[in-house]
Amino acid sequence: MITVTINGNRVELQQPMTIRELLETTHVPPNYLAVEINADVVPRENHVVQMVNDGDCVEVVTLVGGG
């Protein structure tokens, strides 16, 4: 089991996983969002390969249009 921080909340996960798997596990739609791990923005094309590991700090920001 690993512990990560997602948007300021500590979360326990069964194992390390990719960003894409994390979004699916937490039921966050992968569209219109930005993800950063440990203060580094992860490009969308890397969501399927970038791993979330024990102790990581993940920020998921939903993009909202407006005027």
PDB file of N, CA and C in Angstrom:
ATOM      1  N   MET A   1       0.851  -1.171   0.000  1.00  0.00           N
ATOM      2  CA  MET A   1       0.000   0.000   0.000  1.00  0.00           C
ATOM      3  C   MET A   1       0.898   1.236   0.000  1.00  0.00           C
ATOM      4  N   ILE A   2       0.489   2.277  -0.745  1.00  0.00           N
ATOM      5  CA  ILE A   2       1.247   3.523  -0.779  1.00  0.00           C
ATOM      6  C   ILE A   2       0.343   4.676  -0.352  1.00  0.00           C
ATOM      7  N   THR A   3       0.957   5.747   0.109  1.00  0.00           N
ATOM      8  CA  THR A   3       0.215   6.935   0.504  1.00  0.00           C
ATOM      9  C   THR A   3       0.649   8.095  -0.377  1.00  0.00           C
ATOM     10  N   VAL A   4      -0.329   8.774  -0.975  1.00  0.00           N
ATOM     11  CA  VAL A   4      -0.066   9.959  -1.784  1.00  0.00           C
ATOM     12  C   VAL A   4      -0.980  11.076  -1.299  1.00  0.00           C
ATOM     13  N   THR A   5      -0.652  12.283  -1.673  1.00  0.00           N
ATOM     14  CA  THR A   5      -1.500  13.422  -1.357  1.00  0.00           C
ATOM     15  C   THR A   5      -2.117  13.906  -2.658  1.00  0.00           C
ATOM     16  N   ILE A   6      -3.453  13.937  -2.715  1.00  0.00           N
ATOM     17  CA  ILE A   6      -4.165  14.386  -3.908  1.00  0.00           C
ATOM     18  C   ILE A   6      -4.961  15.621  -3.533  1.00  0.00           C
ATOM     19  N   ASN A   7      -4.608  16.746  -4.139  1.00  0.00           N
ATOM     20  CA  ASN A   7      -5.266  18.028  -3.859  1.00  0.00           C
ATOM     21  C   ASN A   7      -5.357  18.299  -2.356  1.00  0.00           C
ATOM     22  N   GLY A   8      -4.266  18.013  -1.647  1.00  0.00           N
ATOM     23  CA  GLY A   8      -4.194  18.300  -0.218  1.00  0.00           C
ATOM     24  C   GLY A   8      -4.736  17.215   0.691  1.00  0.00           C
ATOM     25  N   ASN A   9      -5.300  16.148   0.137  1.00  0.00           N
ATOM     26  CA  ASN A   9      -5.865  15.061   0.940  1.00  0.00           C
ATOM     27  C   ASN A   9      -4.990  13.816   0.839  1.00  0.00           C
ATOM     28  N   ARG A  10      -4.642  13.244   1.993  1.00  0.00           N
ATOM     29  CA  ARG A  10      -3.862  12.003   1.989  1.00  0.00           C
ATOM     30  C   ARG A  10      -4.768  10.848   1.583  1.00  0.00           C
ATOM     31  N   VAL A  11      -4.268  10.051   0.637  1.00  0.00           N
ATOM     32  CA  VAL A  11      -5.034   8.930   0.097  1.00  0.00           C
ATOM     33  C   VAL A  11      -4.138   7.697   0.083  1.00  0.00           C
ATOM     34  N   GLU A  12      -4.693   6.553   0.482  1.00  0.00           N
ATOM     35  CA  GLU A  12      -3.953   5.298   0.401  1.00  0.00           C
ATOM     36  C   GLU A  12      -4.386   4.549  -0.848  1.00  0.00           C
ATOM     37  N   LEU A  13      -3.398   4.083  -1.601  1.00  0.00           N
ATOM     38  CA  LEU A  13      -3.640   3.311  -2.819  1.00  0.00           C
ATOM     39  C   LEU A  13      -3.034   1.925  -2.637  1.00  0.00           C
ATOM     40  N   GLN A  14      -3.590   0.940  -3.324  1.00  0.00           N
ATOM     41  CA  GLN A  14      -3.097  -0.429  -3.203  1.00  0.00           C
ATOM     42  C   GLN A  14      -1.671  -0.579  -3.721  1.00  0.00           C
ATOM     43  N   GLN A  15      -1.327   0.206  -4.762  1.00  0.00           N
ATOM     44  CA  GLN A  15      -0.016   0.066  -5.400  1.00  0.00           C
ATOM     45  C   GLN A  15       0.276   1.304  -6.231  1.00  0.00           C
ATOM     46  N   PRO A  16       1.537   1.499  -6.632  1.00  0.00           N
ATOM     47  CA  PRO A  16       1.821   2.594  -7.558  1.00  0.00           C
ATOM     48  C   PRO A  16       1.013   2.393  -8.841  1.00  0.00           C
ATOM     49  N   MET A  17       0.619   3.490  -9.477  1.00  0.00           N
ATOM     50  CA  MET A  17      -0.168   3.409 -10.708  1.00  0.00           C
ATOM     51  C   MET A  17       0.116   4.627 -11.567  1.00  0.00           C
ATOM     52  N   THR A  18      -0.313   4.555 -12.824  1.00  0.00           N
ATOM     53  CA  THR A  18      -0.135   5.697 -13.711  1.00  0.00           C
ATOM     54  C   THR A  18      -1.153   6.782 -13.358  1.00  0.00           C
ATOM     55  N   ILE A  19      -0.902   7.983 -13.861  1.00  0.00           N
ATOM     56  CA  ILE A  19      -1.863   9.071 -13.649  1.00  0.00           C
ATOM     57  C   ILE A  19      -3.214   8.673 -14.213  1.00  0.00           C
ATOM     58  N   ARG A  20      -3.235   8.096 -15.395  1.00  0.00           N
ATOM     59  CA  ARG A  20      -4.494   7.682 -16.031  1.00  0.00           C
ATOM     60  C   ARG A  20      -5.250   6.709 -15.127  1.00  0.00           C
ATOM     61  N   GLU A  21      -4.548   5.719 -14.574  1.00  0.00           N
ATOM     62  CA  GLU A  21      -5.184   4.754 -13.669  1.00  0.00           C
ATOM     63  C   GLU A  21      -5.703   5.447 -12.415  1.00  0.00           C
ATOM     64  N   LEU A  22      -4.938   6.401 -11.902  1.00  0.00           N
ATOM     65  CA  LEU A  22      -5.372   7.145 -10.719  1.00  0.00           C
ATOM     66  C   LEU A  22      -6.656   7.906 -11.008  1.00  0.00           C
ATOM     67  N   LEU A  23      -6.720   8.570 -12.155  1.00  0.00           N
ATOM     68  CA  LEU A  23      -7.925   9.316 -12.520  1.00  0.00           C
ATOM     69  C   LEU A  23      -9.122   8.378 -12.651  1.00  0.00           C
ATOM     70  N   GLU A  24      -8.906   7.204 -13.250  1.00  0.00           N
ATOM     71  CA  GLU A  24      -9.994   6.222 -13.378  1.00  0.00           C
ATOM     72  C   GLU A  24     -10.421   5.701 -12.007  1.00  0.00           C
ATOM     73  N   THR A  25      -9.469   5.421 -11.131  1.00  0.00           N
ATOM     74  CA  THR A  25      -9.753   4.904  -9.790  1.00  0.00           C
ATOM     75  C   THR A  25     -10.548   5.903  -8.958  1.00  0.00           C
ATOM     76  N   THR A  26     -10.229   7.183  -9.115  1.00  0.00           N
ATOM     77  CA  THR A  26     -10.899   8.218  -8.330  1.00  0.00           C
ATOM     78  C   THR A  26     -12.086   8.832  -9.072  1.00  0.00           C
ATOM     79  N   HIS A  27     -12.426   8.252 -10.225  1.00  0.00           N
ATOM     80  CA  HIS A  27     -13.587   8.673 -11.025  1.00  0.00           C
ATOM     81  C   HIS A  27     -13.509  10.136 -11.460  1.00  0.00           C
ATOM     82  N   VAL A  28     -12.295  10.588 -11.793  1.00  0.00           N
ATOM     83  CA  VAL A  28     -12.107  11.940 -12.317  1.00  0.00           C
ATOM     84  C   VAL A  28     -12.018  11.830 -13.829  1.00  0.00           C
ATOM     85  N   PRO A  29     -12.921  12.488 -14.569  1.00  0.00           N
ATOM     86  CA  PRO A  29     -12.846  12.428 -16.030  1.00  0.00           C
ATOM     87  C   PRO A  29     -11.526  13.043 -16.510  1.00  0.00           C
ATOM     88  N   PRO A  30     -10.835  12.385 -17.447  1.00  0.00           N
ATOM     89  CA  PRO A  30      -9.513  12.858 -17.867  1.00  0.00           C
ATOM     90  C   PRO A  30      -9.530  14.072 -18.793  1.00  0.00           C
ATOM     91  N   ASN A  31     -10.705  14.537 -19.195  1.00  0.00           N
ATOM     92  CA  ASN A  31     -10.794  15.678 -20.107  1.00  0.00           C
ATOM     93  C   ASN A  31     -10.749  16.993 -19.343  1.00  0.00           C
ATOM     94  N   TYR A  32     -10.190  18.005 -19.975  1.00  0.00           N
ATOM     95  CA  TYR A  32     -10.191  19.371 -19.447  1.00  0.00           C
ATOM     96  C   TYR A  32      -9.573  19.480 -18.058  1.00  0.00           C
ATOM     97  N   LEU A  33      -8.414  18.874 -17.886  1.00  0.00           N
ATOM     98  CA  LEU A  33      -7.737  19.011 -16.608  1.00  0.00           C
ATOM     99  C   LEU A  33      -6.234  19.039 -16.805  1.00  0.00           C
ATOM    100  N   ALA A  34      -5.560  19.506 -15.792  1.00  0.00           N
ATOM    101  CA  ALA A  34      -4.098  19.497 -15.755  1.00  0.00           C
ATOM    102  C   ALA A  34      -3.682  18.739 -14.499  1.00  0.00           C
ATOM    103  N   VAL A  35      -2.602  17.991 -14.613  1.00  0.00           N
ATOM    104  CA  VAL A  35      -2.109  17.213 -13.478  1.00  0.00           C
ATOM    105  C   VAL A  35      -0.650  17.588 -13.231  1.00  0.00           C
ATOM    106  N   GLU A  36      -0.339  17.773 -11.969  1.00  0.00           N
ATOM    107  CA  GLU A  36       1.059  18.008 -11.609  1.00  0.00           C
ATOM    108  C   GLU A  36       1.429  17.037 -10.501  1.00  0.00           C
ATOM    109  N   ILE A  37       2.649  16.536 -10.579  1.00  0.00           N
ATOM    110  CA  ILE A  37       3.182  15.649  -9.547  1.00  0.00           C
ATOM    111  C   ILE A  37       4.422  16.313  -8.976  1.00  0.00           C
ATOM    112  N   ASN A  38       4.407  16.508  -7.669  1.00  0.00           N
ATOM    113  CA  ASN A  38       5.535  17.131  -6.973  1.00  0.00           C
ATOM    114  C   ASN A  38       5.941  18.443  -7.640  1.00  0.00           C
ATOM    115  N   ALA A  39       4.931  19.264  -7.959  1.00  0.00           N
ATOM    116  CA  ALA A  39       5.095  20.611  -8.525  1.00  0.00           C
ATOM    117  C   ALA A  39       5.558  20.634  -9.979  1.00  0.00           C
ATOM    118  N   ASP A  40       5.575  19.477 -10.655  1.00  0.00           N
ATOM    119  CA  ASP A  40       5.910  19.423 -12.079  1.00  0.00           C
ATOM    120  C   ASP A  40       4.662  19.065 -12.874  1.00  0.00           C
ATOM    121  N   VAL A  41       4.291  19.929 -13.837  1.00  0.00           N
ATOM    122  CA  VAL A  41       3.133  19.651 -14.686  1.00  0.00           C
ATOM    123  C   VAL A  41       3.474  18.472 -15.591  1.00  0.00           C
ATOM    124  N   VAL A  42       2.555  17.512 -15.671  1.00  0.00           N
ATOM    125  CA  VAL A  42       2.752  16.325 -16.504  1.00  0.00           C
ATOM    126  C   VAL A  42       1.906  16.482 -17.767  1.00  0.00           C
ATOM    127  N   PRO A  43       2.534  16.510 -18.950  1.00  0.00           N
ATOM    128  CA  PRO A  43       1.768  16.627 -20.191  1.00  0.00           C
ATOM    129  C   PRO A  43       0.763  15.480 -20.331  1.00  0.00           C
ATOM    130  N   ARG A  44      -0.384  15.785 -20.912  1.00  0.00           N
ATOM    131  CA  ARG A  44      -1.463  14.800 -21.063  1.00  0.00           C
ATOM    132  C   ARG A  44      -0.978  13.508 -21.724  1.00  0.00           C
ATOM    133  N   GLU A  45      -0.104  13.624 -22.722  1.00  0.00           N
ATOM    134  CA  GLU A  45       0.363  12.419 -23.422  1.00  0.00           C
ATOM    135  C   GLU A  45       1.198  11.512 -22.521  1.00  0.00           C
ATOM    136  N   ASN A  46       1.655  12.026 -21.387  1.00  0.00           N
ATOM    137  CA  ASN A  46       2.424  11.208 -20.443  1.00  0.00           C
ATOM    138  C   ASN A  46       1.568  10.598 -19.332  1.00  0.00           C
ATOM    139  N   HIS A  47       0.282  10.897 -19.300  1.00  0.00           N
ATOM    140  CA  HIS A  47      -0.592  10.370 -18.242  1.00  0.00           C
ATOM    141  C   HIS A  47      -0.651   8.848 -18.244  1.00  0.00           C
ATOM    142  N   VAL A  48      -0.436   8.222 -19.401  1.00  0.00           N
ATOM    143  CA  VAL A  48      -0.506   6.755 -19.471  1.00  0.00           C
ATOM    144  C   VAL A  48       0.802   6.081 -19.068  1.00  0.00           C
ATOM    145  N   VAL A  49       1.885   6.869 -18.911  1.00  0.00           N
ATOM    146  CA  VAL A  49       3.169   6.268 -18.537  1.00  0.00           C
ATOM    147  C   VAL A  49       3.735   6.810 -17.223  1.00  0.00           C
ATOM    148  N   GLN A  50       3.364   8.020 -16.843  1.00  0.00           N
ATOM    149  CA  GLN A  50       3.893   8.641 -15.617  1.00  0.00           C
ATOM    150  C   GLN A  50       3.297   7.958 -14.394  1.00  0.00           C
ATOM    151  N   MET A  51       4.164   7.420 -13.545  1.00  0.00           N
ATOM    152  CA  MET A  51       3.717   6.709 -12.357  1.00  0.00           C
ATOM    153  C   MET A  51       3.509   7.660 -11.183  1.00  0.00           C
ATOM    154  N   VAL A  52       2.522   7.329 -10.357  1.00  0.00           N
ATOM    155  CA  VAL A  52       2.294   7.998  -9.078  1.00  0.00           C
ATOM    156  C   VAL A  52       2.829   7.034  -8.024  1.00  0.00           C
ATOM    157  N   ASN A  53       3.806   7.496  -7.252  1.00  0.00           N
ATOM    158  CA  ASN A  53       4.494   6.630  -6.300  1.00  0.00           C
ATOM    159  C   ASN A  53       4.273   7.081  -4.859  1.00  0.00           C
ATOM    160  N   ASP A  54       4.675   6.239  -3.938  1.00  0.00           N
ATOM    161  CA  ASP A  54       4.532   6.524  -2.515  1.00  0.00           C
ATOM    162  C   ASP A  54       5.144   7.878  -2.174  1.00  0.00           C
ATOM    163  N   GLY A  55       4.383   8.693  -1.456  1.00  0.00           N
ATOM    164  CA  GLY A  55       4.854   9.996  -1.009  1.00  0.00           C
ATOM    165  C   GLY A  55       4.653  11.132  -1.997  1.00  0.00           C
ATOM    166  N   ASP A  56       4.190  10.823  -3.215  1.00  0.00           N
ATOM    167  CA  ASP A  56       3.990  11.875  -4.213  1.00  0.00           C
ATOM    168  C   ASP A  56       2.869  12.821  -3.806  1.00  0.00           C
ATOM    169  N   CYS A  57       3.005  14.065  -4.239  1.00  0.00           N
ATOM    170  CA  CYS A  57       1.977  15.080  -4.058  1.00  0.00           C
ATOM    171  C   CYS A  57       1.383  15.364  -5.433  1.00  0.00           C
ATOM    172  N   VAL A  58       0.112  15.039  -5.605  1.00  0.00           N
ATOM    173  CA  VAL A  58      -0.568  15.169  -6.892  1.00  0.00           C
ATOM    174  C   VAL A  58      -1.597  16.285  -6.802  1.00  0.00           C
ATOM    175  N   GLU A  59      -1.569  17.167  -7.774  1.00  0.00           N
ATOM    176  CA  GLU A  59      -2.584  18.215  -7.883  1.00  0.00           C
ATOM    177  C   GLU A  59      -3.321  18.003  -9.193  1.00  0.00           C
ATOM    178  N   VAL A  60      -4.641  17.920  -9.119  1.00  0.00           N
ATOM    179  CA  VAL A  60      -5.485  17.784 -10.304  1.00  0.00           C
ATOM    180  C   VAL A  60      -6.332  19.040 -10.382  1.00  0.00           C
ATOM    181  N   VAL A  61      -6.172  19.772 -11.475  1.00  0.00           N
ATOM    182  CA  VAL A  61      -6.881  21.032 -11.656  1.00  0.00           C
ATOM    183  C   VAL A  61      -7.811  20.896 -12.848  1.00  0.00           C
ATOM    184  N   THR A  62      -9.094  21.119 -12.636  1.00  0.00           N
ATOM    185  CA  THR A  62     -10.073  21.077 -13.713  1.00  0.00           C
ATOM    186  C   THR A  62     -10.123  22.437 -14.384  1.00  0.00           C
ATOM    187  N   LEU A  63     -10.031  22.429 -15.700  1.00  0.00           N
ATOM    188  CA  LEU A  63     -10.066  23.670 -16.465  1.00  0.00           C
ATOM    189  C   LEU A  63     -11.510  24.034 -16.780  1.00  0.00           C
ATOM    190  N   VAL A  64     -11.860  25.284 -16.519  1.00  0.00           N
ATOM    191  CA  VAL A  64     -13.223  25.760 -16.737  1.00  0.00           C
ATOM    192  C   VAL A  64     -13.157  26.997 -17.617  1.00  0.00           C
ATOM    193  N   GLY A  65     -13.949  26.990 -18.676  1.00  0.00           N
ATOM    194  CA  GLY A  65     -13.993  28.152 -19.558  1.00  0.00           C
ATOM    195  C   GLY A  65     -14.863  29.246 -18.967  1.00  0.00           C
ATOM    196  N   GLY A  66     -14.621  30.431 -19.401  1.00  0.00           N
ATOM    197  CA  GLY A  66     -15.423  31.542 -18.906  1.00  0.00           C
ATOM    198  C   GLY A  66     -15.039  32.814 -19.625  1.00  0.00           C
ATOM    199  N   GLY A  67     -15.713  33.848 -19.272  1.00  0.00           N
ATOM    200  CA  GLY A  67     -15.404  35.082 -19.970  1.00  0.00           C
ATOM    201  C   GLY A  67     -15.571  36.288 -19.110  1.00  0.00           C
TER     202      GLY A  67
END
